[in-house]
Every structure is written in C-alpha cells, then in structure tokens.
Amino acid sequence: MFARIFTKEEADALLPEIRRVLAQMRKARIELQEVQSQLPEARGLKRRALEEEARFLLGSLEADARHLASLGVLLKDLDRGLVDFPARVGGEVVFLCWQEGEPEVAHYHPLSGGFAERRPLGEAPSLLPPEARPGERRPGA
C-alpha cells in the first residue's frame, strides 16, 4: 500500500527537511505567479524569457513534490504546510499528521479521514513500530 511506514521518531526526524522543502516550494510558487502575471503583456524576447522562467519554476515545484514523495510523505496542503506520514497505530494503518508550526508530529487520523478527524497521539492505543507486523517490508530492510 505505502512504500514506507513511519514511526513517530522517523517522522519527527524528517521535519527539518520537510520544512526546508515547503519553504522552497512556496518561494518558487510566488515567483511563478509573478512571472505568469507578466506574461500577458510580454512580447518577443521578453516573453520567451518569461516562458522559460515559468517552465523552470514549474519544474522546480514538480521536483520538490517528487522529493517529498520519495521520502514517503504525502503533501496535503502547501499553504498550510500539512503533511501526512503513513504509520501504524493500534494495529491499524493511519496517517501521522503534521502541520507546519507544530514542533513535532503529535496527531494522527484514519486513512479515510482528514485534518478534521485528527486525534492526539496520546489518545492512540499504541504506536506500533513497523517491525511489529510480520511480513511487512520496509525499504532498506
């Protein structure tokens, strides 16, 4: 189902990288919006330069999104900095849920739920490490 199942500690360890990528993505998105706003008026070489810049910025956003996916996390909302980590709580596969500004991963919600169904990890039956499930494979294991 998922390429990776996280423990809380593994998710917390990725937060500095996730914060860096989110900031980079927001910056690229703002720059892209500025470039796109200039395109309707641009002509000739100026237009070609703006189109090339827009392609570069779109590529940068796509590369950052692929990087997050390669880490095994799901970017749910760039504006809010909302990221989910597949995990296992109480024997059930869920998403650990983190929002930028929170110091650590401290919530989870069902796979079928979303932010509105977030619950504190302290209320979870138990956060099982991935190796608690016989036969579940983890990359690099």
Protein backbone atom coordinates (compact mmCIF):
# COMPACT_ATOMS: atom_id res chain seq x y z
CA MET A 1 0.00 0.00 0.00
CA PHE A 2 2.69 2.51 1.04
CA ALA A 3 6.39 2.44 0.24
CA ARG A 4 7.19 3.29 3.83
CA ILE A 5 5.53 3.03 7.23
CA PHE A 6 6.84 5.60 9.73
CA THR A 7 7.33 5.59 13.45
CA LYS A 8 6.77 8.89 15.23
CA GLU A 9 10.54 9.22 15.71
CA GLU A 10 11.20 8.69 11.99
CA ALA A 11 8.57 11.27 11.08
CA ASP A 12 9.98 13.79 13.57
CA ALA A 13 13.48 13.26 12.16
CA LEU A 14 12.28 14.33 8.69
CA LEU A 15 10.70 17.59 9.83
CA PRO A 16 13.76 19.82 9.20
CA GLU A 17 13.96 18.58 5.60
CA ILE A 18 10.21 18.93 5.12
CA ARG A 19 10.28 22.50 6.47
CA ARG A 20 13.12 23.36 4.06
CA VAL A 21 11.30 21.88 1.05
CA LEU A 22 7.99 23.57 1.92
CA ALA A 23 9.69 26.97 2.16
CA GLN A 24 11.45 26.37 -1.16
CA MET A 25 8.17 25.35 -2.82
CA ARG A 26 6.34 28.42 -1.54
CA LYS A 27 9.11 30.68 -2.81
CA ALA A 28 9.01 29.06 -6.25
CA ARG A 29 5.22 29.32 -6.36
CA ILE A 30 5.32 33.06 -5.56
CA GLU A 31 7.98 33.61 -8.23
CA LEU A 32 5.90 31.61 -10.73
CA GLN A 33 2.82 33.73 -10.01
CA GLU A 34 4.86 36.89 -10.58
CA VAL A 35 6.19 35.56 -13.88
CA GLN A 36 2.73 34.45 -15.00
CA SER A 37 1.28 37.86 -14.20
CA GLN A 38 3.80 39.47 -16.59
CA LEU A 39 3.19 37.07 -19.49
CA PRO A 40 0.03 38.64 -20.96
CA GLU A 41 1.83 41.94 -21.63
CA ALA A 42 5.19 40.49 -22.70
CA ARG A 43 6.30 40.27 -26.33
CA GLY A 44 9.27 38.89 -28.21
CA LEU A 45 12.44 38.05 -26.29
CA LYS A 46 10.94 39.21 -23.01
CA ARG A 47 8.03 36.78 -23.43
CA ARG A 48 10.34 33.89 -24.31
CA ALA A 49 12.48 34.61 -21.24
CA LEU A 50 9.40 34.69 -19.00
CA GLU A 51 8.09 31.44 -20.51
CA GLU A 52 11.45 29.78 -19.88
CA GLU A 53 11.47 31.06 -16.29
CA ALA A 54 7.92 29.73 -15.80
CA ARG A 55 8.98 26.30 -17.12
CA PHE A 56 11.97 26.29 -14.78
CA LEU A 57 9.85 27.21 -11.75
CA LEU A 58 7.21 24.60 -12.61
CA GLY A 59 9.98 22.02 -12.92
CA SER A 60 11.35 23.07 -9.56
CA LEU A 61 7.94 22.66 -7.91
CA GLU A 62 7.47 19.25 -9.51
CA ALA A 63 10.96 18.13 -8.42
CA ASP A 64 10.27 19.21 -4.84
CA ALA A 65 6.95 17.36 -4.85
CA ARG A 66 8.72 14.23 -6.16
CA HIS A 67 11.38 14.62 -3.46
CA LEU A 68 8.71 14.65 -0.73
CA ALA A 69 7.07 11.61 -2.31
CA SER A 70 10.44 9.83 -2.42
CA LEU A 71 10.74 10.37 1.33
CA GLY A 72 7.44 8.52 1.71
CA VAL A 73 5.38 11.50 2.90
CA LEU A 74 2.21 12.96 1.42
CA LEU A 75 1.94 16.72 0.98
CA LYS A 76 -1.71 17.51 1.64
CA ASP A 77 -1.71 21.33 1.62
CA LEU A 78 1.26 23.53 0.73
CA ASP A 79 -0.36 26.71 2.06
CA ARG A 80 -0.95 25.21 5.49
CA GLY A 81 2.20 23.09 5.45
CA LEU A 82 0.10 19.98 6.03
CA VAL A 83 1.93 16.66 5.63
CA ASP A 84 0.89 13.05 6.33
CA PHE A 85 3.13 10.09 7.17
CA PRO A 86 1.80 6.54 6.78
CA ALA A 87 2.06 4.80 10.15
CA ARG A 88 0.52 2.07 12.24
CA VAL A 89 -1.45 2.97 15.38
CA GLY A 90 -3.12 0.30 17.44
CA GLY A 91 -2.57 -2.23 14.65
CA GLU A 92 -4.31 -0.03 12.07
CA VAL A 93 -2.61 1.81 9.20
CA VAL A 94 -3.26 5.53 9.66
CA PHE A 95 -1.62 8.84 8.80
CA LEU A 96 0.53 10.66 11.30
CA CYS A 97 -0.49 14.25 10.65
CA TRP A 98 1.80 17.28 10.98
CA GLN A 99 1.11 20.93 10.26
CA GLU A 100 3.87 23.47 9.86
CA GLY A 101 4.34 25.41 13.07
CA GLU A 102 3.93 22.34 15.25
CA PRO A 103 7.22 21.39 16.96
CA GLU A 104 6.73 17.65 16.41
CA VAL A 105 4.38 15.08 14.93
CA ALA A 106 1.70 14.79 17.60
CA HIS A 107 -1.51 13.80 15.77
CA TYR A 108 -2.92 11.08 13.58
CA HIS A 109 -6.08 10.40 11.59
CA PRO A 110 -7.61 7.44 9.73
CA LEU A 111 -6.64 6.91 6.09
CA SER A 112 -10.20 7.73 5.05
CA GLY A 113 -10.32 10.82 7.25
CA GLY A 114 -8.53 14.09 7.08
CA PHE A 115 -7.42 17.02 9.16
CA ALA A 116 -10.89 17.37 10.69
CA GLU A 117 -10.53 13.86 12.20
CA ARG A 118 -7.12 14.46 13.77
CA ARG A 119 -6.58 12.96 17.19
CA PRO A 120 -3.65 13.46 19.55
CA LEU A 121 -1.17 10.59 19.55
CA GLY A 122 -1.54 10.50 23.33
CA GLU A 123 -5.04 9.12 22.80
CA ALA A 124 -3.78 6.38 20.43
CA PRO A 125 -3.97 2.76 21.61
CA SER A 126 -0.29 2.30 20.74
CA LEU A 127 2.06 3.46 18.04
CA LEU A 128 3.45 0.21 16.79
CA PRO A 129 6.84 0.14 15.11
CA PRO A 130 6.69 -1.17 11.54
CA GLU A 131 8.55 -4.35 12.50
CA ALA A 132 5.60 -5.28 14.73
CA ARG A 133 3.82 -6.57 11.61
CA PRO A 134 5.23 -9.89 10.38
CA GLY A 135 5.96 -9.90 6.68
CA GLU A 136 5.72 -6.15 6.17
CA ARG A 137 8.66 -4.99 4.10
CA ARG A 138 10.43 -1.70 4.57
CA PRO A 139 12.82 -0.13 2.08
CA GLY A 140 16.41 -0.73 3.09
CA ALA A 141 15.44 -3.53 5.47
